[in-house]
Amino acid sequence: MSTRKANRIETLAKILDAAEIEFGLKGFSGASLQHIADRAELPKANIVYYFQSKEKLYKEVLNNILTGWNDVFSRATVNDDPAHVLDEFIRTKLAFSVSKGRSSRIFAMEVIGGANHIGDYLKDELSPWFESRIALIEAWIAAGKMRAIEPASLIYMIWATTQHYADFEAQILALGGDDAMDEAHLERIGDTVSSIILQGCGLSLEA
């Protein structure tokens, strides 16, 4: 990798990390390119060069969040075992949501607010991905690999359940009397959530 390319990757990472923090603390309206630049310790001109506007930077932050969430499920094919795919999807999504709780809350607040900045993305990019995953689940059902369930609701359930542990982290910690969620917490939560969802789909990791 050339020095120029390495510097570009490092600069983009700094900008996106700083932007995630600013948007998480202040929302889209309260954040500014100057504050993001200050946090990234870069000239504002660098951000404008790479992203042109605050809205484009915000969309890129949201896009990175969704890509991280859905990567495991994106790679699944009809030849894979749905039990193992869904179990890995649930556990990876749970760990990602908890480790990047700010990202989860940024996305949740954007959608709750009407998805004003990512409406086109949801229709043009996420929707085709969503339809492809519905088709995958339907193919698993047709092949007799899992119980006939409503695919969209299954995906929504996995998203909602795993995100809950990030979006409502303060409540969960308060009710559990904990200071933070560690690996043991995530393993227990993953075991329970995966078991319930897989059983509902007529699946088992022991089969």
N, C-alpha and C. Protein backbone atom coordinates (compact mmCIF):
# COMPACT_ATOMS: atom_id res chain seq x y z
N MET A 1 0.84 -1.19 0.00
CA MET A 1 0.00 0.00 0.00
C MET A 1 0.88 1.25 0.00
N SER A 2 0.55 2.20 -0.86
CA SER A 2 1.34 3.42 -0.95
C SER A 2 1.13 4.29 0.28
N THR A 3 2.09 5.16 0.54
CA THR A 3 1.98 6.08 1.68
C THR A 3 0.78 6.99 1.52
N ARG A 4 0.54 7.44 0.29
CA ARG A 4 -0.59 8.33 0.04
C ARG A 4 -1.92 7.65 0.36
N LYS A 5 -2.06 6.39 -0.06
CA LYS A 5 -3.30 5.65 0.21
C LYS A 5 -3.46 5.40 1.70
N ALA A 6 -2.36 5.06 2.37
CA ALA A 6 -2.41 4.80 3.82
C ALA A 6 -2.82 6.07 4.57
N ASN A 7 -2.30 7.21 4.15
CA ASN A 7 -2.65 8.48 4.79
C ASN A 7 -4.13 8.81 4.57
N ARG A 8 -4.61 8.50 3.37
CA ARG A 8 -6.03 8.76 3.07
C ARG A 8 -6.93 7.92 3.95
N ILE A 9 -6.60 6.63 4.10
CA ILE A 9 -7.39 5.73 4.94
C ILE A 9 -7.38 6.20 6.39
N GLU A 10 -6.21 6.61 6.86
CA GLU A 10 -6.09 7.09 8.24
C GLU A 10 -6.91 8.37 8.45
N THR A 11 -6.88 9.28 7.48
CA THR A 11 -7.63 10.53 7.59
C THR A 11 -9.13 10.27 7.60
N LEU A 12 -9.59 9.40 6.71
CA LEU A 12 -11.02 9.07 6.66
C LEU A 12 -11.48 8.43 7.97
N ALA A 13 -10.66 7.56 8.53
CA ALA A 13 -11.00 6.91 9.79
C ALA A 13 -11.12 7.94 10.91
N LYS A 14 -10.20 8.89 10.96
CA LYS A 14 -10.25 9.94 11.98
C LYS A 14 -11.52 10.77 11.85
N ILE A 15 -11.85 11.12 10.62
CA ILE A 15 -13.04 11.94 10.38
C ILE A 15 -14.30 11.19 10.80
N LEU A 16 -14.41 9.94 10.39
CA LEU A 16 -15.61 9.17 10.69
C LEU A 16 -15.75 8.90 12.19
N ASP A 17 -14.64 8.62 12.86
CA ASP A 17 -14.69 8.40 14.31
C ASP A 17 -15.13 9.67 15.03
N ALA A 18 -14.56 10.80 14.63
CA ALA A 18 -14.92 12.08 15.25
C ALA A 18 -16.37 12.42 14.96
N ALA A 19 -16.81 12.16 13.72
CA ALA A 19 -18.18 12.47 13.34
C ALA A 19 -19.17 11.63 14.13
N GLU A 20 -18.85 10.36 14.34
CA GLU A 20 -19.73 9.48 15.10
C GLU A 20 -19.92 10.02 16.52
N ILE A 21 -18.84 10.48 17.12
CA ILE A 21 -18.92 11.01 18.48
C ILE A 21 -19.77 12.29 18.50
N GLU A 22 -19.51 13.20 17.57
CA GLU A 22 -20.24 14.47 17.53
C GLU A 22 -21.72 14.26 17.25
N PHE A 23 -22.04 13.43 16.28
CA PHE A 23 -23.45 13.18 15.97
C PHE A 23 -24.13 12.45 17.13
N GLY A 24 -23.38 11.57 17.80
CA GLY A 24 -23.95 10.87 18.94
C GLY A 24 -24.23 11.79 20.10
N LEU A 25 -23.38 12.78 20.32
CA LEU A 25 -23.56 13.71 21.43
C LEU A 25 -24.59 14.81 21.13
N LYS A 26 -24.60 15.29 19.88
CA LYS A 26 -25.37 16.49 19.56
C LYS A 26 -26.46 16.30 18.51
N GLY A 27 -26.52 15.11 17.91
CA GLY A 27 -27.48 14.90 16.84
C GLY A 27 -27.03 15.61 15.57
N PHE A 28 -27.79 15.43 14.50
CA PHE A 28 -27.41 16.03 13.23
C PHE A 28 -27.43 17.55 13.31
N SER A 29 -28.48 18.11 13.88
CA SER A 29 -28.64 19.56 13.91
C SER A 29 -27.58 20.25 14.77
N GLY A 30 -27.23 19.63 15.89
CA GLY A 30 -26.29 20.27 16.81
C GLY A 30 -24.83 20.13 16.43
N ALA A 31 -24.50 19.13 15.64
CA ALA A 31 -23.11 18.91 15.24
C ALA A 31 -22.72 19.88 14.13
N SER A 32 -21.44 20.18 14.05
CA SER A 32 -20.94 21.06 12.99
C SER A 32 -19.66 20.47 12.43
N LEU A 33 -19.36 20.80 11.17
CA LEU A 33 -18.14 20.31 10.55
C LEU A 33 -16.91 20.83 11.29
N GLN A 34 -17.00 22.05 11.81
CA GLN A 34 -15.86 22.61 12.53
C GLN A 34 -15.58 21.84 13.80
N HIS A 35 -16.63 21.50 14.55
CA HIS A 35 -16.44 20.74 15.78
C HIS A 35 -15.91 19.33 15.47
N ILE A 36 -16.39 18.75 14.38
CA ILE A 36 -15.89 17.43 13.97
C ILE A 36 -14.41 17.52 13.60
N ALA A 37 -14.06 18.57 12.87
CA ALA A 37 -12.66 18.79 12.49
C ALA A 37 -11.78 18.98 13.73
N ASP A 38 -12.27 19.76 14.69
CA ASP A 38 -11.52 19.98 15.92
C ASP A 38 -11.29 18.67 16.66
N ARG A 39 -12.34 17.85 16.71
CA ARG A 39 -12.23 16.57 17.43
C ARG A 39 -11.26 15.63 16.71
N ALA A 40 -11.27 15.68 15.39
CA ALA A 40 -10.37 14.83 14.60
C ALA A 40 -8.96 15.40 14.51
N GLU A 41 -8.80 16.63 15.00
CA GLU A 41 -7.51 17.34 14.92
C GLU A 41 -7.04 17.46 13.47
N LEU A 42 -7.99 17.88 12.63
CA LEU A 42 -7.73 18.08 11.22
C LEU A 42 -8.31 19.41 10.78
N PRO A 43 -7.82 20.00 9.70
CA PRO A 43 -8.44 21.21 9.17
C PRO A 43 -9.84 20.90 8.65
N LYS A 44 -10.75 21.82 8.81
CA LYS A 44 -12.11 21.64 8.30
C LYS A 44 -12.09 21.37 6.80
N ALA A 45 -11.13 21.95 6.09
CA ALA A 45 -11.02 21.77 4.64
C ALA A 45 -10.85 20.30 4.26
N ASN A 46 -10.20 19.52 5.13
CA ASN A 46 -10.03 18.09 4.85
C ASN A 46 -11.38 17.38 4.81
N ILE A 47 -12.26 17.74 5.74
CA ILE A 47 -13.58 17.11 5.79
C ILE A 47 -14.39 17.51 4.56
N VAL A 48 -14.34 18.77 4.20
CA VAL A 48 -15.08 19.25 3.03
C VAL A 48 -14.55 18.57 1.76
N TYR A 49 -13.25 18.36 1.70
CA TYR A 49 -12.64 17.70 0.53
C TYR A 49 -13.17 16.28 0.36
N TYR A 50 -13.25 15.53 1.46
CA TYR A 50 -13.67 14.12 1.37
C TYR A 50 -15.18 13.94 1.34
N PHE A 51 -15.92 14.80 2.03
CA PHE A 51 -17.36 14.57 2.18
C PHE A 51 -18.26 15.69 1.67
N GLN A 52 -17.72 16.83 1.34
CA GLN A 52 -18.44 17.96 0.76
C GLN A 52 -19.42 18.67 1.72
N SER A 53 -20.15 17.92 2.51
CA SER A 53 -21.15 18.55 3.38
C SER A 53 -21.39 17.72 4.63
N LYS A 54 -22.00 18.35 5.63
CA LYS A 54 -22.34 17.64 6.87
C LYS A 54 -23.32 16.51 6.60
N GLU A 55 -24.27 16.74 5.70
CA GLU A 55 -25.27 15.72 5.41
C GLU A 55 -24.64 14.48 4.78
N LYS A 56 -23.69 14.68 3.87
CA LYS A 56 -23.04 13.53 3.25
C LYS A 56 -22.19 12.77 4.26
N LEU A 57 -21.55 13.49 5.16
CA LEU A 57 -20.76 12.84 6.21
C LEU A 57 -21.68 12.05 7.14
N TYR A 58 -22.81 12.62 7.49
CA TYR A 58 -23.78 11.95 8.36
C TYR A 58 -24.28 10.66 7.71
N LYS A 59 -24.58 10.73 6.42
CA LYS A 59 -25.05 9.54 5.71
C LYS A 59 -23.98 8.46 5.69
N GLU A 60 -22.72 8.86 5.56
CA GLU A 60 -21.63 7.88 5.55
C GLU A 60 -21.49 7.21 6.91
N VAL A 61 -21.67 7.98 7.98
CA VAL A 61 -21.63 7.41 9.33
C VAL A 61 -22.74 6.38 9.48
N LEU A 62 -23.96 6.72 9.05
CA LEU A 62 -25.08 5.80 9.14
C LEU A 62 -24.87 4.57 8.27
N ASN A 63 -24.31 4.76 7.10
CA ASN A 63 -24.04 3.64 6.19
C ASN A 63 -23.06 2.66 6.83
N ASN A 64 -22.02 3.19 7.49
CA ASN A 64 -21.04 2.33 8.17
C ASN A 64 -21.69 1.54 9.29
N ILE A 65 -22.64 2.16 9.98
CA ILE A 65 -23.34 1.48 11.07
C ILE A 65 -24.10 0.27 10.52
N LEU A 66 -24.86 0.48 9.46
CA LEU A 66 -25.67 -0.60 8.89
C LEU A 66 -24.80 -1.71 8.30
N THR A 67 -23.71 -1.32 7.66
CA THR A 67 -22.80 -2.32 7.09
C THR A 67 -22.22 -3.21 8.18
N GLY A 68 -21.82 -2.60 9.28
CA GLY A 68 -21.28 -3.38 10.40
C GLY A 68 -22.30 -4.32 10.99
N TRP A 69 -23.53 -3.86 11.12
CA TRP A 69 -24.60 -4.68 11.69
C TRP A 69 -24.88 -5.92 10.85
N ASN A 70 -24.96 -5.74 9.55
CA ASN A 70 -25.53 -6.77 8.68
C ASN A 70 -24.51 -7.60 7.91
N ASP A 71 -23.23 -7.37 8.15
CA ASP A 71 -22.19 -8.01 7.35
C ASP A 71 -22.29 -9.53 7.36
N VAL A 72 -22.49 -10.13 8.52
CA VAL A 72 -22.54 -11.59 8.61
C VAL A 72 -23.69 -12.15 7.77
N PHE A 73 -24.86 -11.55 7.90
CA PHE A 73 -26.03 -12.04 7.17
C PHE A 73 -25.90 -11.76 5.68
N SER A 74 -25.18 -10.71 5.33
CA SER A 74 -25.01 -10.36 3.92
C SER A 74 -24.27 -11.46 3.16
N ARG A 75 -23.38 -12.18 3.83
CA ARG A 75 -22.54 -13.18 3.18
C ARG A 75 -23.19 -14.56 3.12
N ALA A 76 -24.34 -14.74 3.75
CA ALA A 76 -25.00 -16.05 3.81
C ALA A 76 -25.61 -16.43 2.46
N THR A 77 -25.61 -17.74 2.17
CA THR A 77 -26.20 -18.27 0.94
C THR A 77 -27.17 -19.39 1.27
N VAL A 78 -27.93 -19.82 0.28
CA VAL A 78 -28.92 -20.87 0.49
C VAL A 78 -28.26 -22.18 0.88
N ASN A 79 -26.99 -22.36 0.55
CA ASN A 79 -26.29 -23.60 0.89
C ASN A 79 -25.83 -23.65 2.34
N ASP A 80 -25.89 -22.52 3.03
CA ASP A 80 -25.47 -22.48 4.43
C ASP A 80 -26.55 -23.04 5.35
N ASP A 81 -26.13 -23.41 6.55
CA ASP A 81 -27.05 -23.89 7.58
C ASP A 81 -27.70 -22.68 8.25
N PRO A 82 -29.01 -22.51 8.14
CA PRO A 82 -29.65 -21.32 8.73
C PRO A 82 -29.46 -21.19 10.23
N ALA A 83 -29.37 -22.31 10.94
CA ALA A 83 -29.18 -22.25 12.39
C ALA A 83 -27.87 -21.56 12.73
N HIS A 84 -26.80 -21.95 12.06
CA HIS A 84 -25.50 -21.37 12.34
C HIS A 84 -25.40 -19.93 11.83
N VAL A 85 -26.01 -19.66 10.69
CA VAL A 85 -26.00 -18.29 10.15
C VAL A 85 -26.73 -17.34 11.09
N LEU A 86 -27.94 -17.72 11.50
CA LEU A 86 -28.73 -16.84 12.36
C LEU A 86 -28.10 -16.68 13.74
N ASP A 87 -27.54 -17.76 14.27
CA ASP A 87 -26.87 -17.67 15.56
C ASP A 87 -25.70 -16.70 15.49
N GLU A 88 -24.89 -16.80 14.44
CA GLU A 88 -23.74 -15.90 14.30
C GLU A 88 -24.21 -14.47 14.07
N PHE A 89 -25.27 -14.31 13.28
CA PHE A 89 -25.83 -12.98 13.02
C PHE A 89 -26.29 -12.33 14.33
N ILE A 90 -27.02 -13.06 15.13
CA ILE A 90 -27.52 -12.55 16.41
C ILE A 90 -26.37 -12.15 17.33
N ARG A 91 -25.39 -13.03 17.48
CA ARG A 91 -24.29 -12.77 18.41
C ARG A 91 -23.38 -11.63 17.92
N THR A 92 -23.14 -11.59 16.61
CA THR A 92 -22.29 -10.53 16.06
C THR A 92 -22.99 -9.18 16.15
N LYS A 93 -24.28 -9.17 15.83
CA LYS A 93 -25.06 -7.93 15.89
C LYS A 93 -25.15 -7.45 17.33
N LEU A 94 -25.34 -8.35 18.27
CA LEU A 94 -25.40 -7.99 19.69
C LEU A 94 -24.08 -7.38 20.15
N ALA A 95 -22.98 -8.03 19.83
CA ALA A 95 -21.67 -7.54 20.25
C ALA A 95 -21.36 -6.19 19.60
N PHE A 96 -21.69 -6.05 18.33
CA PHE A 96 -21.44 -4.79 17.62
C PHE A 96 -22.27 -3.66 18.24
N SER A 97 -23.54 -3.94 18.51
CA SER A 97 -24.42 -2.92 19.08
C SER A 97 -23.93 -2.45 20.44
N VAL A 98 -23.52 -3.39 21.28
CA VAL A 98 -23.09 -3.04 22.62
C VAL A 98 -21.74 -2.32 22.59
N SER A 99 -20.82 -2.80 21.78
CA SER A 99 -19.49 -2.18 21.72
C SER A 99 -19.54 -0.81 21.05
N LYS A 100 -20.52 -0.61 20.20
CA LYS A 100 -20.70 0.67 19.51
C LYS A 100 -22.09 1.22 19.81
N GLY A 101 -22.37 1.35 21.10
CA GLY A 101 -23.69 1.81 21.53
C GLY A 101 -24.06 3.17 20.98
N ARG A 102 -23.08 4.05 20.85
CA ARG A 102 -23.35 5.39 20.31
C ARG A 102 -23.87 5.28 18.87
N SER A 103 -23.27 4.37 18.09
CA SER A 103 -23.70 4.18 16.71
C SER A 103 -25.15 3.72 16.65
N SER A 104 -25.48 2.78 17.50
CA SER A 104 -26.85 2.26 17.53
C SER A 104 -27.85 3.35 17.86
N ARG A 105 -27.50 4.20 18.83
CA ARG A 105 -28.42 5.26 19.23
C ARG A 105 -28.54 6.35 18.17
N ILE A 106 -27.45 6.62 17.44
CA ILE A 106 -27.52 7.59 16.34
C ILE A 106 -28.54 7.11 15.31
N PHE A 107 -28.43 5.84 14.93
CA PHE A 107 -29.34 5.29 13.93
C PHE A 107 -30.78 5.28 14.44
N ALA A 108 -30.96 4.86 15.69
CA ALA A 108 -32.31 4.81 16.26
C ALA A 108 -32.97 6.19 16.26
N MET A 109 -32.24 7.20 16.67
CA MET A 109 -32.81 8.55 16.72
C MET A 109 -33.10 9.09 15.32
N GLU A 110 -32.27 8.75 14.35
CA GLU A 110 -32.51 9.17 12.97
C GLU A 110 -33.83 8.58 12.46
N VAL A 111 -34.05 7.30 12.70
CA VAL A 111 -35.26 6.66 12.21
C VAL A 111 -36.49 7.14 12.98
N ILE A 112 -36.35 7.26 14.30
CA ILE A 112 -37.47 7.77 15.11
C ILE A 112 -37.87 9.17 14.65
N GLY A 113 -36.87 9.94 14.23
CA GLY A 113 -37.13 11.30 13.78
C GLY A 113 -37.69 11.39 12.38
N GLY A 114 -37.93 10.25 11.74
CA GLY A 114 -38.53 10.25 10.41
C GLY A 114 -37.59 9.90 9.28
N ALA A 115 -36.34 9.53 9.62
CA ALA A 115 -35.34 9.15 8.61
C ALA A 115 -35.19 10.23 7.54
N ASN A 116 -35.17 11.49 7.98
CA ASN A 116 -35.12 12.60 7.03
C ASN A 116 -33.85 12.63 6.19
N HIS A 117 -32.75 12.09 6.73
CA HIS A 117 -31.48 12.17 6.02
C HIS A 117 -31.09 10.86 5.33
N ILE A 118 -31.80 9.79 5.61
CA ILE A 118 -31.45 8.51 4.98
C ILE A 118 -32.65 7.84 4.31
N GLY A 119 -33.70 8.61 4.05
CA GLY A 119 -34.87 8.03 3.39
C GLY A 119 -34.52 7.40 2.06
N ASP A 120 -33.72 8.11 1.26
CA ASP A 120 -33.32 7.58 -0.05
C ASP A 120 -32.46 6.34 0.10
N TYR A 121 -31.57 6.36 1.10
CA TYR A 121 -30.71 5.20 1.33
C TYR A 121 -31.55 3.97 1.70
N LEU A 122 -32.52 4.17 2.57
CA LEU A 122 -33.36 3.04 2.99
C LEU A 122 -34.09 2.43 1.80
N LYS A 123 -34.57 3.28 0.89
CA LYS A 123 -35.32 2.81 -0.27
C LYS A 123 -34.41 2.24 -1.36
N ASP A 124 -33.31 2.93 -1.63
CA ASP A 124 -32.48 2.58 -2.78
C ASP A 124 -31.42 1.52 -2.49
N GLU A 125 -30.92 1.47 -1.24
CA GLU A 125 -29.83 0.55 -0.93
C GLU A 125 -30.21 -0.52 0.10
N LEU A 126 -30.82 -0.11 1.20
CA LEU A 126 -31.16 -1.10 2.22
C LEU A 126 -32.31 -1.99 1.75
N SER A 127 -33.28 -1.43 1.05
CA SER A 127 -34.43 -2.22 0.60
C SER A 127 -34.03 -3.39 -0.29
N PRO A 128 -33.15 -3.20 -1.30
CA PRO A 128 -32.73 -4.36 -2.11
C PRO A 128 -32.01 -5.43 -1.27
N TRP A 129 -31.18 -4.97 -0.32
CA TRP A 129 -30.52 -5.93 0.58
C TRP A 129 -31.56 -6.71 1.38
N PHE A 130 -32.54 -5.99 1.91
CA PHE A 130 -33.59 -6.60 2.73
C PHE A 130 -34.37 -7.63 1.91
N GLU A 131 -34.72 -7.28 0.68
CA GLU A 131 -35.46 -8.21 -0.18
C GLU A 131 -34.62 -9.45 -0.49
N SER A 132 -33.31 -9.27 -0.66
CA SER A 132 -32.44 -10.42 -0.94
C SER A 132 -32.37 -11.36 0.26
N ARG A 133 -32.41 -10.80 1.47
CA ARG A 133 -32.37 -11.63 2.67
C ARG A 133 -33.70 -12.33 2.90
N ILE A 134 -34.80 -11.67 2.54
CA ILE A 134 -36.11 -12.32 2.59
C ILE A 134 -36.12 -13.51 1.63
N ALA A 135 -35.58 -13.30 0.42
CA ALA A 135 -35.52 -14.37 -0.57
C ALA A 135 -34.67 -15.54 -0.05
N LEU A 136 -33.59 -15.23 0.66
CA LEU A 136 -32.75 -16.28 1.22
C LEU A 136 -33.51 -17.12 2.24
N ILE A 137 -34.20 -16.44 3.15
CA ILE A 137 -34.98 -17.17 4.16
C ILE A 137 -36.07 -18.00 3.50
N GLU A 138 -36.72 -17.45 2.50
CA GLU A 138 -37.75 -18.20 1.77
C GLU A 138 -37.15 -19.43 1.09
N ALA A 139 -35.93 -19.30 0.59
CA ALA A 139 -35.25 -20.45 -0.04
C ALA A 139 -34.93 -21.52 1.00
N TRP A 140 -34.51 -21.10 2.19
CA TRP A 140 -34.27 -22.07 3.26
C TRP A 140 -35.57 -22.80 3.62
N ILE A 141 -36.66 -22.04 3.68
CA ILE A 141 -37.96 -22.64 4.01
C ILE A 141 -38.37 -23.63 2.92
N ALA A 142 -38.23 -23.22 1.66
CA ALA A 142 -38.60 -24.09 0.54
C ALA A 142 -37.77 -25.37 0.51
N ALA A 143 -36.53 -25.27 0.98
CA ALA A 143 -35.64 -26.43 1.00
C ALA A 143 -35.87 -27.30 2.24
N GLY A 144 -36.81 -26.91 3.07
CA GLY A 144 -37.11 -27.68 4.28
C GLY A 144 -36.08 -27.53 5.37
N LYS A 145 -35.29 -26.47 5.31
CA LYS A 145 -34.24 -26.26 6.30
C LYS A 145 -34.73 -25.58 7.57
N MET A 146 -35.90 -24.94 7.50
CA MET A 146 -36.44 -24.26 8.67
C MET A 146 -37.95 -24.15 8.56
N ARG A 147 -38.59 -23.84 9.67
CA ARG A 147 -40.04 -23.70 9.74
C ARG A 147 -40.49 -22.53 8.87
N ALA A 148 -41.70 -22.64 8.34
CA ALA A 148 -42.27 -21.56 7.53
C ALA A 148 -42.70 -20.41 8.44
N ILE A 149 -41.90 -19.36 8.44
CA ILE A 149 -42.20 -18.17 9.23
C ILE A 149 -42.21 -16.96 8.29
N GLU A 150 -42.60 -15.81 8.81
CA GLU A 150 -42.64 -14.59 8.00
C GLU A 150 -41.24 -13.96 8.03
N PRO A 151 -40.50 -14.00 6.92
CA PRO A 151 -39.09 -13.59 6.92
C PRO A 151 -38.83 -12.17 7.41
N ALA A 152 -39.64 -11.21 6.97
CA ALA A 152 -39.40 -9.82 7.36
C ALA A 152 -39.46 -9.66 8.87
N SER A 153 -40.45 -10.30 9.50
CA SER A 153 -40.59 -10.19 10.95
C SER A 153 -39.41 -10.81 11.68
N LEU A 154 -38.84 -11.86 11.11
CA LEU A 154 -37.67 -12.49 11.73
C LEU A 154 -36.49 -11.51 11.72
N ILE A 155 -36.26 -10.84 10.60
CA ILE A 155 -35.16 -9.88 10.52
C ILE A 155 -35.40 -8.71 11.48
N TYR A 156 -36.64 -8.20 11.49
CA TYR A 156 -36.96 -7.09 12.41
C TYR A 156 -36.73 -7.51 13.86
N MET A 157 -37.10 -8.73 14.18
CA MET A 157 -36.96 -9.22 15.55
C MET A 157 -35.49 -9.27 15.96
N ILE A 158 -34.64 -9.76 15.07
CA ILE A 158 -33.21 -9.83 15.38
C ILE A 158 -32.64 -8.42 15.53
N TRP A 159 -32.97 -7.52 14.62
CA TRP A 159 -32.51 -6.14 14.73
C TRP A 159 -32.95 -5.52 16.06
N ALA A 160 -34.25 -5.62 16.34
CA ALA A 160 -34.81 -4.94 17.51
C ALA A 160 -34.27 -5.51 18.82
N THR A 161 -34.21 -6.82 18.93
CA THR A 161 -33.78 -7.44 20.17
C THR A 161 -32.32 -7.12 20.48
N THR A 162 -31.46 -7.24 19.48
CA THR A 162 -30.04 -7.00 19.71
C THR A 162 -29.77 -5.51 19.96
N GLN A 163 -30.46 -4.64 19.24
CA GLN A 163 -30.25 -3.20 19.45
C GLN A 163 -30.73 -2.73 20.81
N HIS A 164 -31.71 -3.41 21.37
CA HIS A 164 -32.24 -3.01 22.67
C HIS A 164 -31.14 -2.89 23.71
N TYR A 165 -30.16 -3.79 23.66
CA TYR A 165 -29.12 -3.81 24.67
C TYR A 165 -28.15 -2.64 24.54
N ALA A 166 -28.18 -1.95 23.41
CA ALA A 166 -27.39 -0.73 23.24
C ALA A 166 -28.25 0.50 23.48
N ASP A 167 -29.42 0.53 22.86
CA ASP A 167 -30.27 1.72 22.94
C ASP A 167 -30.79 1.97 24.35
N PHE A 168 -30.99 0.90 25.12
CA PHE A 168 -31.51 1.02 26.48
C PHE A 168 -30.49 0.50 27.50
N GLU A 169 -29.23 0.71 27.18
CA GLU A 169 -28.15 0.22 28.03
C GLU A 169 -28.26 0.73 29.47
N ALA A 170 -28.55 2.02 29.64
CA ALA A 170 -28.63 2.58 30.99
C ALA A 170 -29.69 1.87 31.82
N GLN A 171 -30.83 1.59 31.23
CA GLN A 171 -31.90 0.88 31.94
C GLN A 171 -31.49 -0.54 32.28
N ILE A 172 -30.88 -1.23 31.33
CA ILE A 172 -30.46 -2.61 31.55
C ILE A 172 -29.43 -2.71 32.67
N LEU A 173 -28.46 -1.80 32.67
CA LEU A 173 -27.43 -1.81 33.72
C LEU A 173 -28.03 -1.48 35.07
N ALA A 174 -28.96 -0.52 35.10
CA ALA A 174 -29.58 -0.14 36.37
C ALA A 174 -30.40 -1.29 36.94
N LEU A 175 -31.18 -1.93 36.09
CA LEU A 175 -32.02 -3.03 36.57
C LEU A 175 -31.19 -4.25 36.97
N GLY A 176 -30.06 -4.43 36.31
CA GLY A 176 -29.22 -5.58 36.63
C GLY A 176 -28.21 -5.30 37.72
N GLY A 177 -28.11 -4.02 38.13
CA GLY A 177 -27.15 -3.65 39.16
C GLY A 177 -25.71 -3.77 38.70
N ASP A 178 -25.50 -3.55 37.41
CA ASP A 178 -24.16 -3.69 36.84
C ASP A 178 -23.61 -2.32 36.41
N ASP A 179 -22.30 -2.25 36.29
CA ASP A 179 -21.65 -1.03 35.81
C ASP A 179 -21.44 -1.05 34.30
N ALA A 180 -21.31 -2.25 33.75
CA ALA A 180 -21.09 -2.40 32.31
C ALA A 180 -21.39 -3.83 31.91
N MET A 181 -21.56 -4.05 30.61
CA MET A 181 -21.77 -5.40 30.10
C MET A 181 -20.44 -5.96 29.62
N ASP A 182 -20.02 -7.07 30.22
CA ASP A 182 -18.76 -7.68 29.81
C ASP A 182 -19.02 -8.88 28.92
N GLU A 183 -17.98 -9.63 28.59
CA GLU A 183 -18.11 -10.78 27.69
C GLU A 183 -19.05 -11.84 28.25
N ALA A 184 -19.03 -12.01 29.57
CA ALA A 184 -19.92 -13.00 30.18
C ALA A 184 -21.38 -12.62 29.99
N HIS A 185 -21.68 -11.31 30.15
CA HIS A 185 -23.04 -10.83 29.92
C HIS A 185 -23.46 -11.12 28.48
N LEU A 186 -22.60 -10.75 27.53
CA LEU A 186 -22.93 -10.92 26.12
C LEU A 186 -23.15 -12.39 25.77
N GLU A 187 -22.35 -13.26 26.37
CA GLU A 187 -22.52 -14.70 26.09
C GLU A 187 -23.86 -15.20 26.61
N ARG A 188 -24.23 -14.80 27.83
CA ARG A 188 -25.52 -15.23 28.39
C ARG A 188 -26.68 -14.67 27.58
N ILE A 189 -26.59 -13.39 27.24
CA ILE A 189 -27.65 -12.76 26.45
C ILE A 189 -27.75 -13.44 25.08
N GLY A 190 -26.59 -13.65 24.45
CA GLY A 190 -26.57 -14.30 23.14
C GLY A 190 -27.17 -15.70 23.19
N ASP A 191 -26.85 -16.45 24.23
CA ASP A 191 -27.40 -17.81 24.38
C ASP A 191 -28.92 -17.76 24.45
N THR A 192 -29.45 -16.84 25.24
CA THR A 192 -30.89 -16.76 25.44
C THR A 192 -31.61 -16.29 24.18
N VAL A 193 -31.15 -15.18 23.62
CA VAL A 193 -31.80 -14.62 22.43
C VAL A 193 -31.72 -15.60 21.26
N SER A 194 -30.55 -16.18 21.05
CA SER A 194 -30.39 -17.12 19.94
C SER A 194 -31.28 -18.34 20.13
N SER A 195 -31.32 -18.87 21.34
CA SER A 195 -32.12 -20.06 21.61
C SER A 195 -33.60 -19.80 21.33
N ILE A 196 -34.11 -18.68 21.80
CA ILE A 196 -35.53 -18.35 21.60
C ILE A 196 -35.86 -18.19 20.12
N ILE A 197 -35.02 -17.44 19.40
CA ILE A 197 -35.30 -17.19 18.00
C ILE A 197 -35.14 -18.45 17.16
N LEU A 198 -34.09 -19.21 17.41
CA LEU A 198 -33.89 -20.44 16.64
C LEU A 198 -35.02 -21.44 16.88
N GLN A 199 -35.45 -21.57 18.13
CA GLN A 199 -36.56 -22.48 18.41
C GLN A 199 -37.82 -22.05 17.68
N GLY A 200 -38.05 -20.74 17.62
CA GLY A 200 -39.22 -20.24 16.90
C GLY A 200 -39.16 -20.54 15.42
N CYS A 201 -37.94 -20.71 14.90
CA CYS A 201 -37.76 -21.03 13.48
C CYS A 201 -37.66 -22.55 13.25
N GLY A 202 -37.82 -23.31 14.32
CA GLY A 202 -37.70 -24.76 14.21
C GLY A 202 -36.26 -25.21 13.98
N LEU A 203 -35.31 -24.46 14.52
CA LEU A 203 -33.89 -24.72 14.31
C LEU A 203 -33.19 -25.09 15.61
N SER A 204 -32.08 -25.77 15.48
CA SER A 204 -31.25 -26.10 16.64
C SER A 204 -29.80 -26.22 16.19
N LEU A 205 -28.89 -25.70 17.00
CA LEU A 205 -27.47 -25.79 16.69
C LEU A 205 -26.96 -27.22 16.89
N GLU A 206 -27.72 -28.05 17.58
CA GLU A 206 -27.30 -29.42 17.87
C GLU A 206 -27.71 -30.38 16.78
N ALA A 207 -28.55 -29.90 15.86
CA ALA A 207 -29.04 -30.80 14.81
C ALA A 207 -27.93 -31.15 13.82
